N, C-alpha and C. Protein backbone atom coordinates (compact mmCIF):
# COMPACT_ATOMS: atom_id res chain seq x y z
N LYS A 1 -15.21 50.57 10.56
CA LYS A 1 -16.18 49.31 10.25
C LYS A 1 -15.77 48.77 8.75
N ASP A 2 -15.06 48.09 8.22
CA ASP A 2 -15.29 46.93 6.54
C ASP A 2 -16.50 47.11 6.09
N PRO A 3 -16.42 47.41 4.85
CA PRO A 3 -18.06 46.85 4.82
C PRO A 3 -17.91 45.85 3.49
N GLU A 4 -17.13 45.10 3.60
CA GLU A 4 -16.47 43.75 2.96
C GLU A 4 -16.60 42.71 3.64
N MET A 5 -16.98 43.25 5.16
CA MET A 5 -16.10 41.86 6.83
C MET A 5 -18.29 42.24 7.32
N VAL A 6 -18.26 40.51 7.59
CA VAL A 6 -19.66 40.36 8.44
C VAL A 6 -18.65 39.80 10.17
N ALA A 7 -19.29 40.53 10.80
CA ALA A 7 -18.83 39.90 12.34
C ALA A 7 -19.44 38.84 13.21
N VAL A 8 -18.66 38.15 13.64
CA VAL A 8 -19.47 37.02 14.28
C VAL A 8 -19.75 38.03 16.23
N ARG A 9 -20.83 37.67 16.17
CA ARG A 9 -22.30 37.79 16.88
C ARG A 9 -21.36 36.77 17.77
N LYS A 10 -20.85 37.50 19.11
CA LYS A 10 -20.52 36.02 20.47
C LYS A 10 -22.42 36.28 21.78
N PRO A 11 -22.41 34.68 21.33
CA PRO A 11 -23.48 34.01 22.35
C PRO A 11 -23.60 35.17 23.81
N ASP A 12 -25.40 35.33 23.44
CA ASP A 12 -25.88 35.62 25.02
C ASP A 12 -25.66 34.83 25.92
N PRO A 13 -25.11 34.61 26.89
CA PRO A 13 -25.24 33.78 28.06
C PRO A 13 -26.49 33.70 28.61
N LYS A 14 -27.34 35.26 28.80
CA LYS A 14 -28.79 35.44 29.30
C LYS A 14 -29.80 34.37 28.56
N ARG A 15 -29.75 34.57 27.22
CA ARG A 15 -30.50 34.07 26.67
C ARG A 15 -30.46 33.25 26.35
N ARG A 16 -29.32 32.06 26.91
CA ARG A 16 -28.42 30.67 26.79
C ARG A 16 -28.52 30.21 24.94
N GLU A 17 -28.42 31.31 24.39
CA GLU A 17 -27.63 31.45 22.87
C GLU A 17 -26.92 30.04 22.74
N CYS A 18 -26.90 29.15 21.99
CA CYS A 18 -25.90 28.19 21.31
C CYS A 18 -25.51 28.44 19.88
N LEU A 19 -23.90 29.34 20.34
CA LEU A 19 -24.12 30.12 18.40
C LEU A 19 -22.50 29.08 18.31
N PRO A 20 -22.44 29.05 16.68
CA PRO A 20 -21.69 27.91 16.17
C PRO A 20 -20.50 28.35 16.68
N ARG A 21 -18.96 28.30 16.24
CA ARG A 21 -17.42 28.79 16.20
C ARG A 21 -17.62 29.04 14.35
N VAL A 22 -16.71 30.58 13.98
CA VAL A 22 -16.98 30.62 13.27
C VAL A 22 -15.08 30.22 13.16
N LEU A 23 -14.71 28.87 11.75
CA LEU A 23 -13.04 29.07 11.93
C LEU A 23 -12.59 29.64 10.38
N ARG A 24 -11.72 29.83 10.22
CA ARG A 24 -10.37 29.98 9.23
C ARG A 24 -9.46 28.91 8.83
N ASN A 25 -9.62 28.22 7.56
CA ASN A 25 -7.97 27.60 7.85
C ASN A 25 -7.31 28.03 7.20
N ASP A 26 -6.18 28.39 7.97
CA ASP A 26 -5.29 28.70 7.55
C ASP A 26 -3.98 27.60 6.62
N LYS A 27 -3.38 27.78 5.51
CA LYS A 27 -2.23 26.78 5.22
C LYS A 27 -1.37 27.02 6.77
N LYS A 28 -0.43 28.52 7.03
CA LYS A 28 -0.05 28.13 7.74
C LYS A 28 -0.84 27.75 9.32
N LEU A 29 -1.22 28.24 10.32
CA LEU A 29 -1.01 28.56 11.19
C LEU A 29 -2.35 27.51 11.35
N GLY A 30 -3.45 26.96 10.34
CA GLY A 30 -3.76 25.69 10.99
C GLY A 30 -5.27 26.33 11.06
N ALA A 31 -6.63 25.94 11.74
CA ALA A 31 -7.72 26.55 11.78
C ALA A 31 -7.84 27.49 13.59
N LYS A 32 -8.77 28.51 12.90
CA LYS A 32 -8.73 29.25 14.08
C LYS A 32 -9.47 30.00 14.13
N GLU A 33 -10.44 30.51 15.41
CA GLU A 33 -11.15 30.97 15.22
C GLU A 33 -11.45 33.05 15.09
N VAL A 34 -12.51 33.08 14.22
CA VAL A 34 -12.24 34.28 14.17
C VAL A 34 -13.28 35.32 14.61
N THR A 35 -13.63 36.67 14.36
CA THR A 35 -14.05 37.34 14.90
C THR A 35 -15.34 38.25 14.08
N SER A 36 -14.43 38.21 12.56
CA SER A 36 -14.96 38.45 11.63
C SER A 36 -14.37 37.65 9.90
N PHE A 37 -14.98 37.65 9.09
CA PHE A 37 -14.72 37.91 7.77
C PHE A 37 -15.41 37.83 6.62
N GLU A 38 -15.13 37.56 5.33
CA GLU A 38 -15.43 38.03 4.49
C GLU A 38 -16.91 37.80 4.05
N VAL A 39 -17.59 38.29 3.43
CA VAL A 39 -18.85 38.85 2.75
C VAL A 39 -18.93 37.69 1.62
N GLU A 40 -18.19 37.17 1.21
CA GLU A 40 -18.07 35.26 -0.12
C GLU A 40 -18.31 34.58 0.32
N PHE A 41 -17.50 34.56 1.94
CA PHE A 41 -18.19 32.90 2.53
C PHE A 41 -19.60 32.63 2.84
N LEU A 42 -20.63 34.36 2.46
CA LEU A 42 -21.82 33.41 2.63
C LEU A 42 -22.45 32.57 1.37
N LEU A 43 -22.10 33.10 0.17
CA LEU A 43 -22.56 32.91 -0.71
C LEU A 43 -22.43 31.30 -1.73
N VAL A 44 -23.21 31.31 -2.02
CA VAL A 44 -23.77 29.74 -2.33
C VAL A 44 -23.65 30.30 -3.98
N GLU A 45 -23.03 29.38 -5.15
CA GLU A 45 -23.46 28.45 -6.18
C GLU A 45 -24.25 27.50 -6.13
N VAL A 46 -24.98 28.25 -6.74
CA VAL A 46 -26.61 27.73 -7.45
C VAL A 46 -26.19 27.50 -8.83
N ASN A 47 -26.40 26.29 -8.64
CA ASN A 47 -26.43 25.78 -11.15
C ASN A 47 -27.95 25.34 -10.86
N THR A 48 -27.80 25.87 -12.20
CA THR A 48 -29.66 26.59 -12.88
C THR A 48 -29.68 26.05 -14.28
N GLY A 49 -30.32 24.27 -14.53
CA GLY A 49 -29.99 24.31 -15.67
C GLY A 49 -30.31 22.46 -15.57
N ARG A 50 -30.11 21.68 -16.13
CA ARG A 50 -30.40 19.49 -16.83
C ARG A 50 -28.68 19.52 -16.53
N PRO A 51 -29.26 18.47 -15.83
CA PRO A 51 -28.04 17.63 -15.43
C PRO A 51 -28.00 17.50 -17.24
N VAL A 52 -25.96 17.39 -17.53
CA VAL A 52 -25.79 16.91 -18.68
C VAL A 52 -26.00 15.54 -18.59
N GLY A 53 -26.47 15.13 -20.05
CA GLY A 53 -27.31 14.04 -20.46
C GLY A 53 -28.22 13.57 -19.65
N SER A 54 -28.85 14.26 -19.48
CA SER A 54 -30.42 14.59 -19.14
C SER A 54 -31.24 14.43 -20.54
N ALA A 55 -32.10 13.10 -20.27
CA ALA A 55 -33.52 13.13 -21.14
C ALA A 55 -34.14 13.48 -21.37
N SER A 56 -34.30 14.59 -20.55
CA SER A 56 -36.17 15.03 -21.26
C SER A 56 -35.07 16.51 -21.58
N THR A 57 -35.62 17.35 -22.20
CA THR A 57 -35.20 18.87 -22.16
C THR A 57 -36.08 19.52 -23.05
N SER A 58 -37.34 19.02 -22.29
CA SER A 58 -38.75 19.87 -21.96
C SER A 58 -39.18 20.43 -20.35
N PRO A 59 -39.06 21.81 -19.83
CA PRO A 59 -39.43 22.17 -19.56
C PRO A 59 -40.88 20.57 -18.17
N MET A 60 -40.75 20.64 -16.33
CA MET A 60 -41.12 19.85 -16.34
C MET A 60 -42.88 20.48 -15.63
N PHE A 61 -42.37 21.54 -16.45
CA PHE A 61 -44.22 22.37 -15.64
C PHE A 61 -44.46 22.81 -16.93
N LEU A 62 -45.73 22.67 -17.34
CA LEU A 62 -46.17 23.70 -18.23
C LEU A 62 -46.48 25.03 -18.32
N HIS A 63 -46.92 25.57 -17.23
CA HIS A 63 -47.93 26.32 -16.31
C HIS A 63 -47.09 26.61 -16.10
N SER A 64 -46.78 28.17 -15.25
CA SER A 64 -47.25 29.03 -13.75
C SER A 64 -47.58 30.62 -13.67
N GLU A 65 -49.36 30.20 -13.47
CA GLU A 65 -50.57 30.79 -13.72
C GLU A 65 -51.10 31.05 -12.09
N PHE A 66 -50.65 29.66 -11.57
CA PHE A 66 -51.58 29.96 -10.27
C PHE A 66 -50.91 30.54 -8.86
N PRO A 67 -51.66 31.58 -8.32
CA PRO A 67 -50.87 32.31 -7.48
C PRO A 67 -49.83 31.33 -6.63
N ILE A 68 -49.13 31.47 -6.05
CA ILE A 68 -47.72 30.87 -4.94
C ILE A 68 -48.32 30.91 -3.89
N GLU A 69 -48.46 30.45 -2.79
CA GLU A 69 -48.80 29.71 -1.24
C GLU A 69 -48.20 30.36 -0.76
N ASN A 70 -48.20 31.14 0.29
CA ASN A 70 -47.72 32.41 1.48
C ASN A 70 -47.15 33.36 0.95
N ARG A 71 -48.09 33.94 0.23
CA ARG A 71 -47.88 35.23 -0.86
C ARG A 71 -49.17 36.62 -0.64
N THR A 72 -48.87 36.19 0.65
CA THR A 72 -50.86 36.83 0.66
C THR A 72 -50.37 38.55 0.51
N ASN A 73 -48.90 39.27 0.47
CA ASN A 73 -48.70 40.36 0.67
C ASN A 73 -48.21 41.03 -0.50
N TYR A 74 -48.27 39.61 -1.20
CA TYR A 74 -47.06 40.26 -2.55
C TYR A 74 -48.48 40.45 -4.39
N GLY A 75 -49.73 39.47 -3.66
CA GLY A 75 -50.40 38.78 -4.72
C GLY A 75 -51.42 38.56 -4.00
N GLU A 76 -52.54 37.98 -5.18
CA GLU A 76 -53.69 37.28 -4.12
C GLU A 76 -53.86 36.29 -3.72
N PRO A 77 -53.97 35.39 -2.60
CA PRO A 77 -53.96 34.45 -2.16
C PRO A 77 -54.31 33.53 -2.39
N GLN A 78 -54.23 32.35 -2.33
CA GLN A 78 -54.71 31.16 -3.35
C GLN A 78 -56.42 30.78 -2.86
N SER A 79 -57.19 30.21 -3.90
CA SER A 79 -58.88 30.49 -3.08
C SER A 79 -58.79 28.68 -3.76
N ALA A 80 -60.16 28.45 -3.36
CA ALA A 80 -60.58 27.36 -4.74
C ALA A 80 -61.44 28.06 -5.18
N GLU A 81 -61.71 29.39 -5.65
CA GLU A 81 -62.37 30.85 -6.73
C GLU A 81 -60.68 30.84 -7.94
N LEU A 82 -59.46 30.86 -7.15
CA LEU A 82 -58.60 30.75 -8.25
C LEU A 82 -58.55 29.56 -9.24
N PHE A 83 -58.40 28.93 -8.28
CA PHE A 83 -58.08 27.24 -8.65
C PHE A 83 -59.26 27.13 -10.10
N ARG A 84 -60.43 27.34 -9.23
CA ARG A 84 -61.42 26.92 -10.24
C ARG A 84 -61.21 27.51 -12.25
N LYS A 85 -60.92 28.81 -11.96
CA LYS A 85 -60.58 29.57 -12.71
C LYS A 85 -59.69 29.04 -14.04
N PHE A 86 -58.72 28.77 -12.93
CA PHE A 86 -57.18 27.91 -13.24
C PHE A 86 -57.00 26.71 -14.29
N LEU A 87 -58.28 26.29 -13.33
CA LEU A 87 -59.35 24.08 -13.83
C LEU A 87 -59.11 25.41 -15.80
N LEU A 88 -60.31 25.65 -15.80
CA LEU A 88 -60.69 26.46 -17.03
C LEU A 88 -60.29 26.91 -18.02
N LYS A 89 -59.33 27.83 -17.58
CA LYS A 89 -58.64 28.02 -18.31
C LYS A 89 -57.79 27.56 -19.81
N ASN A 90 -57.40 26.50 -19.43
CA ASN A 90 -56.72 25.18 -20.11
C ASN A 90 -57.56 24.56 -20.70
N ARG A 91 -58.85 24.33 -20.58
CA ARG A 91 -59.59 23.00 -20.28
C ARG A 91 -59.60 22.18 -22.35
N SER A 92 -59.25 22.26 -22.68
CA SER A 92 -59.13 21.95 -24.05
C SER A 92 -57.40 21.11 -24.05
N GLU A 93 -56.56 21.23 -22.39
CA GLU A 93 -55.58 20.61 -22.07
C GLU A 93 -56.68 19.13 -21.66
N PRO A 94 -55.75 17.99 -21.17
CA PRO A 94 -56.21 17.00 -20.38
C PRO A 94 -55.65 17.39 -18.41
N TYR A 95 -55.90 17.37 -18.34
CA TYR A 95 -56.19 17.19 -16.58
C TYR A 95 -54.30 17.37 -16.11
N HIS A 96 -53.70 15.94 -16.85
CA HIS A 96 -52.52 15.99 -16.50
C HIS A 96 -51.86 17.06 -16.80
N LYS A 97 -51.72 17.54 -18.30
CA LYS A 97 -50.99 18.97 -18.35
C LYS A 97 -51.78 19.90 -17.72
N ARG A 98 -53.41 19.70 -17.55
CA ARG A 98 -53.80 21.43 -16.81
C ARG A 98 -53.66 21.77 -15.64
N LEU A 99 -52.50 20.59 -15.12
CA LEU A 99 -52.40 20.77 -13.50
C LEU A 99 -51.14 20.89 -13.36
N SER A 100 -50.44 20.73 -14.70
CA SER A 100 -49.09 20.73 -14.97
C SER A 100 -48.63 22.48 -14.12
N ASP A 101 -48.53 22.49 -12.87
CA ASP A 101 -47.82 23.56 -12.77
C ASP A 101 -47.62 23.70 -11.30
N PHE A 102 -46.74 23.85 -10.63
CA PHE A 102 -45.94 23.65 -9.35
C PHE A 102 -46.98 23.95 -8.45
N HIS A 103 -47.51 25.17 -8.50
CA HIS A 103 -48.29 25.79 -7.43
C HIS A 103 -49.21 25.06 -7.10
N ALA A 104 -50.14 24.81 -8.22
CA ALA A 104 -51.27 24.25 -8.16
C ALA A 104 -51.58 23.16 -7.73
N LEU A 105 -50.31 22.67 -7.77
CA LEU A 105 -49.57 21.03 -7.19
C LEU A 105 -50.29 21.09 -5.89
N VAL A 106 -49.33 21.93 -5.55
CA VAL A 106 -49.60 22.09 -3.57
C VAL A 106 -50.59 22.13 -3.10
N TYR A 107 -51.65 23.14 -4.21
CA TYR A 107 -52.95 23.61 -3.43
C TYR A 107 -53.32 22.88 -3.56
N LEU A 108 -53.20 21.37 -4.51
CA LEU A 108 -54.26 20.00 -4.52
C LEU A 108 -54.18 19.32 -3.00
N GLY A 109 -53.13 19.30 -2.16
CA GLY A 109 -53.14 19.47 -0.42
C GLY A 109 -54.39 19.82 0.14
N GLU A 110 -54.42 20.98 -0.31
CA GLU A 110 -55.84 21.23 0.58
C GLU A 110 -56.72 21.09 0.52
N LEU A 111 -57.35 20.25 -0.86
CA LEU A 111 -58.32 19.84 -1.75
C LEU A 111 -59.09 18.72 -1.66
N PHE A 112 -57.57 17.54 -1.28
CA PHE A 112 -58.04 16.31 -1.26
C PHE A 112 -56.60 15.66 -0.60
N ASP A 113 -56.85 14.20 0.28
CA ASP A 113 -56.56 13.87 1.59
C ASP A 113 -54.97 13.50 0.17
N MET A 114 -53.87 13.14 1.41
CA MET A 114 -52.58 13.43 0.63
C MET A 114 -51.97 12.67 -0.57
N GLU A 115 -52.81 11.06 -0.45
CA GLU A 115 -52.65 10.05 -0.88
C GLU A 115 -52.96 10.44 -2.98
N THR A 116 -54.35 11.30 -2.62
CA THR A 116 -55.45 11.35 -4.09
C THR A 116 -53.92 12.24 -4.53
N ALA A 117 -53.56 13.00 -3.41
CA ALA A 117 -52.98 14.72 -4.00
C ALA A 117 -51.51 13.80 -4.78
N LEU A 118 -51.31 13.01 -3.40
CA LEU A 118 -49.93 12.26 -4.45
C LEU A 118 -49.99 11.89 -5.68
N SER A 119 -51.30 10.87 -5.46
CA SER A 119 -51.30 10.44 -7.41
C SER A 119 -51.98 11.41 -8.55
N ILE A 120 -52.27 12.16 -8.33
CA ILE A 120 -52.60 13.54 -9.58
C ILE A 120 -51.22 13.10 -9.41
N CYS A 121 -50.33 14.30 -9.04
CA CYS A 121 -49.14 14.65 -9.24
C CYS A 121 -48.22 13.13 -9.29
N GLU A 122 -48.31 12.29 -8.78
CA GLU A 122 -47.48 11.44 -10.14
C GLU A 122 -47.94 11.52 -11.99
N CYS A 123 -49.30 11.24 -11.55
CA CYS A 123 -50.15 11.63 -12.88
C CYS A 123 -49.56 12.60 -13.56
N VAL A 124 -49.14 14.01 -13.12
CA VAL A 124 -48.39 15.04 -14.24
C VAL A 124 -46.61 14.96 -13.70
N ARG A 125 -46.37 14.11 -12.89
CA ARG A 125 -44.48 13.78 -13.14
C ARG A 125 -44.97 13.26 -14.68
N ASP A 126 -45.45 11.81 -14.74
CA ASP A 126 -45.61 10.81 -15.76
C ASP A 126 -46.55 10.91 -17.05
N GLY A 127 -47.03 11.88 -16.87
CA GLY A 127 -47.91 12.23 -18.43
C GLY A 127 -48.75 10.96 -18.53
N THR A 128 -49.16 11.01 -17.11
CA THR A 128 -50.01 10.26 -17.67
C THR A 128 -52.21 10.36 -16.85
N PRO A 129 -52.84 9.67 -18.03
CA PRO A 129 -54.35 10.02 -16.92
C PRO A 129 -54.10 10.22 -15.24
N LEU A 130 -55.08 11.24 -15.35
CA LEU A 130 -56.23 11.39 -13.85
C LEU A 130 -56.71 9.89 -13.24
N PRO A 131 -56.77 9.41 -13.02
CA PRO A 131 -58.27 8.32 -11.94
C PRO A 131 -59.30 8.87 -11.85
N GLU A 132 -60.22 8.01 -13.18
CA GLU A 132 -61.26 8.52 -13.30
C GLU A 132 -61.46 9.10 -12.26
N GLY A 133 -61.39 9.19 -10.48
CA GLY A 133 -62.09 9.73 -9.44
C GLY A 133 -62.25 11.24 -9.14
N ALA A 134 -60.90 11.19 -9.68
CA ALA A 134 -60.00 12.92 -9.53
C ALA A 134 -60.37 13.72 -10.47
N THR A 135 -60.91 12.92 -12.04
CA THR A 135 -61.48 14.06 -12.79
C THR A 135 -62.69 14.44 -12.51
N LEU A 136 -63.27 13.38 -12.07
CA LEU A 136 -65.16 13.93 -11.42
C LEU A 136 -64.70 14.91 -10.73
N ILE A 137 -63.99 15.09 -9.98
CA ILE A 137 -64.20 15.85 -8.28
C ILE A 137 -63.58 16.78 -9.19
N LEU A 138 -62.09 17.14 -10.46
CA LEU A 138 -62.07 18.06 -10.42
C LEU A 138 -62.98 19.15 -11.55
N ASP A 139 -63.50 18.45 -11.75
CA ASP A 139 -64.68 18.86 -13.30
C ASP A 139 -65.81 19.53 -12.44
N SER A 140 -66.12 18.58 -11.38
CA SER A 140 -66.91 19.39 -10.21
C SER A 140 -66.59 20.61 -9.90
N LEU A 141 -65.41 20.54 -9.28
CA LEU A 141 -64.58 21.70 -8.97
C LEU A 141 -64.51 23.01 -9.57
N SER A 142 -64.63 22.18 -10.64
CA SER A 142 -64.19 23.59 -12.00
C SER A 142 -65.70 24.26 -12.52
N GLY A 143 -66.25 23.63 -12.65
CA GLY A 143 -68.02 23.08 -13.18
C GLY A 143 -68.67 23.21 -14.07
N VAL A 144 -67.36 22.44 -14.85
CA VAL A 144 -67.48 21.29 -16.15
C VAL A 144 -68.89 20.59 -15.74
C-alpha cells in the first residue's frame, strides 16, 4: 500500500450507510469514480491574518488567559471560581477590556441569560461600557 494514497471505503449495506462517491476529474477521461486518491486532496489552505485594507490593526481580544471550554482532560475546567480570579486579575481595566477574552465571553452564557451575554459581547466588540446591571452582577461575582 502506498502511504501517499487514501483508500475509499465502500458503504456497508448492513449498516445502511450512505457514503459519498469520490470522483477524480481527468481532462481526457472526464469525471471518474476512484477507489483511492492522494492525501493532498484533503488538505485545506487556511488563511491567517487580516483582510487587506482592514481598518483595525490591533487584535480583537486583549486577553487569552481564561480556560478553554470542553478541555477538561488538557487543563483546568472552567468554573465560577476561575472566572472570579480572571475578573480580579485585570481589575484596573474597565469590563469591556477585562472581558476581552474569547473563552471568557463563551463562559458568560453559563452565567447570564443569552440576551444579557450577547449585550456584554457587543460592548466588548464595540469597546463601549457595559450596562450598569451587568457590571453590578460581575462586581458581585468577583467579590469587589
